[in-house]
Amino acid sequence: MLVKTIIVVLLIAIVLTLLVSVVFLIRDPSSRQRALLGLKIRVALSITLLLFILFSYFMGWIHPHGLVP
């Protein structure tokens, strides 16, 4: 259950950083560095999520399932 919670938290963090970056891009045209920093954080979180899912799979914490249970 902890693994699924961590995955959901990372997904929510990715979406929130994307929304914050869009707000900075639209409302703050003079400082594009903040939008770029937000997008860098989003990419880092996405890579972290991918690596965590792969690690969890290899450790046997999560299991894939097909379309038919």
C-alpha atoms as a PDB file:
ATOM      1  CA  MET A   1       0.000   0.000   0.000  1.00  0.00           C
ATOM      2  CA  LEU A   2       2.906   2.343   0.732  1.00  0.00           C
ATOM      3  CA  VAL A   3       4.287   1.882  -2.785  1.00  0.00           C
ATOM      4  CA  LYS A   4       0.973   2.842  -4.370  1.00  0.00           C
ATOM      5  CA  THR A   5       0.745   5.896  -2.117  1.00  0.00           C
ATOM      6  CA  ILE A   6       4.222   7.025  -3.158  1.00  0.00           C
ATOM      7  CA  ILE A   7       3.311   6.590  -6.833  1.00  0.00           C
ATOM      8  CA  VAL A   8       0.120   8.636  -6.427  1.00  0.00           C
ATOM      9  CA  VAL A   9       1.960  11.386  -4.532  1.00  0.00           C
ATOM     10  CA  LEU A  10       4.600  11.601  -7.258  1.00  0.00           C
ATOM     11  CA  LEU A  11       1.907  11.792  -9.947  1.00  0.00           C
ATOM     12  CA  ILE A  12       0.130  14.592  -8.095  1.00  0.00           C
ATOM     13  CA  ALA A  13       3.438  16.447  -7.641  1.00  0.00           C
ATOM     14  CA  ILE A  14       4.137  16.152 -11.377  1.00  0.00           C
ATOM     15  CA  VAL A  15       0.743  17.616 -12.268  1.00  0.00           C
ATOM     16  CA  LEU A  16       1.095  20.429  -9.712  1.00  0.00           C
ATOM     17  CA  THR A  17       4.542  21.455 -10.962  1.00  0.00           C
ATOM     18  CA  LEU A  18       3.187  21.488 -14.505  1.00  0.00           C
ATOM     19  CA  LEU A  19       0.312  23.766 -13.468  1.00  0.00           C
ATOM     20  CA  VAL A  20       2.636  26.083 -11.528  1.00  0.00           C
ATOM     21  CA  SER A  21       4.967  26.322 -14.519  1.00  0.00           C
ATOM     22  CA  VAL A  22       2.071  27.215 -16.812  1.00  0.00           C
ATOM     23  CA  VAL A  23       0.955  29.943 -14.399  1.00  0.00           C
ATOM     24  CA  PHE A  24       4.480  31.373 -14.275  1.00  0.00           C
ATOM     25  CA  LEU A  25       4.715  31.244 -18.052  1.00  0.00           C
ATOM     26  CA  ILE A  26       1.412  33.057 -18.582  1.00  0.00           C
ATOM     27  CA  ARG A  27       1.354  35.585 -15.734  1.00  0.00           C
ATOM     28  CA  ASP A  28       5.039  36.385 -15.326  1.00  0.00           C
ATOM     29  CA  PRO A  29       6.515  37.062 -18.775  1.00  0.00           C
ATOM     30  CA  SER A  30       9.505  39.015 -17.443  1.00  0.00           C
ATOM     31  CA  SER A  31      10.971  36.108 -15.492  1.00  0.00           C
ATOM     32  CA  ARG A  32      11.053  32.964 -17.566  1.00  0.00           C
ATOM     33  CA  GLN A  33      13.556  31.321 -15.245  1.00  0.00           C
ATOM     34  CA  ARG A  34      10.824  30.325 -12.788  1.00  0.00           C
ATOM     35  CA  ALA A  35       8.859  28.524 -15.489  1.00  0.00           C
ATOM     36  CA  LEU A  36      12.016  26.773 -16.659  1.00  0.00           C
ATOM     37  CA  LEU A  37      12.864  25.719 -13.106  1.00  0.00           C
ATOM     38  CA  GLY A  38       9.354  24.318 -12.649  1.00  0.00           C
ATOM     39  CA  LEU A  39       9.664  22.300 -15.839  1.00  0.00           C
ATOM     40  CA  LYS A  40      13.061  20.984 -14.760  1.00  0.00           C
ATOM     41  CA  ILE A  41      11.549  19.843 -11.472  1.00  0.00           C
ATOM     42  CA  ARG A  42       8.712  18.165 -13.382  1.00  0.00           C
ATOM     43  CA  VAL A  43      11.160  16.240 -15.555  1.00  0.00           C
ATOM     44  CA  ALA A  44      13.151  15.196 -12.486  1.00  0.00           C
ATOM     45  CA  LEU A  45       9.972  13.987 -10.763  1.00  0.00           C
ATOM     46  CA  SER A  46       8.948  12.043 -13.877  1.00  0.00           C
ATOM     47  CA  ILE A  47      12.312  10.308 -14.059  1.00  0.00           C
ATOM     48  CA  THR A  48      12.123   9.560 -10.333  1.00  0.00           C
ATOM     49  CA  LEU A  49       8.664   8.069 -10.769  1.00  0.00           C
ATOM     50  CA  LEU A  50       9.805   5.873 -13.653  1.00  0.00           C
ATOM     51  CA  LEU A  51      12.842   4.624 -11.734  1.00  0.00           C
ATOM     52  CA  PHE A  52      10.746   3.991  -8.624  1.00  0.00           C
ATOM     53  CA  ILE A  53       8.203   1.955 -10.609  1.00  0.00           C
ATOM     54  CA  LEU A  54      10.969  -0.117 -12.196  1.00  0.00           C
ATOM     55  CA  PHE A  55      12.656  -0.647  -8.816  1.00  0.00           C
ATOM     56  CA  SER A  56       9.349  -1.635  -7.222  1.00  0.00           C
ATOM     57  CA  TYR A  57       8.685  -4.125 -10.009  1.00  0.00           C
ATOM     58  CA  PHE A  58      12.096  -5.762  -9.694  1.00  0.00           C
ATOM     59  CA  MET A  59      11.781  -5.927  -5.898  1.00  0.00           C
ATOM     60  CA  GLY A  60       8.389  -7.641  -6.287  1.00  0.00           C
ATOM     61  CA  TRP A  61       6.393  -4.911  -4.542  1.00  0.00           C
ATOM     62  CA  ILE A  62       4.105  -4.349  -7.539  1.00  0.00           C
ATOM     63  CA  HIS A  63       2.902  -6.830 -10.144  1.00  0.00           C
ATOM     64  CA  PRO A  64       1.589  -6.224 -13.640  1.00  0.00           C
ATOM     65  CA  HIS A  65      -1.807  -7.549 -14.559  1.00  0.00           C
ATOM     66  CA  GLY A  66      -3.585  -8.133 -17.834  1.00  0.00           C
ATOM     67  CA  LEU A  67      -6.847  -6.766 -19.082  1.00  0.00           C
ATOM     68  CA  VAL A  68      -8.702  -9.886 -18.002  1.00  0.00           C
ATOM     69  CA  PRO A  69      -8.293 -10.652 -14.258  1.00  0.00           C
END
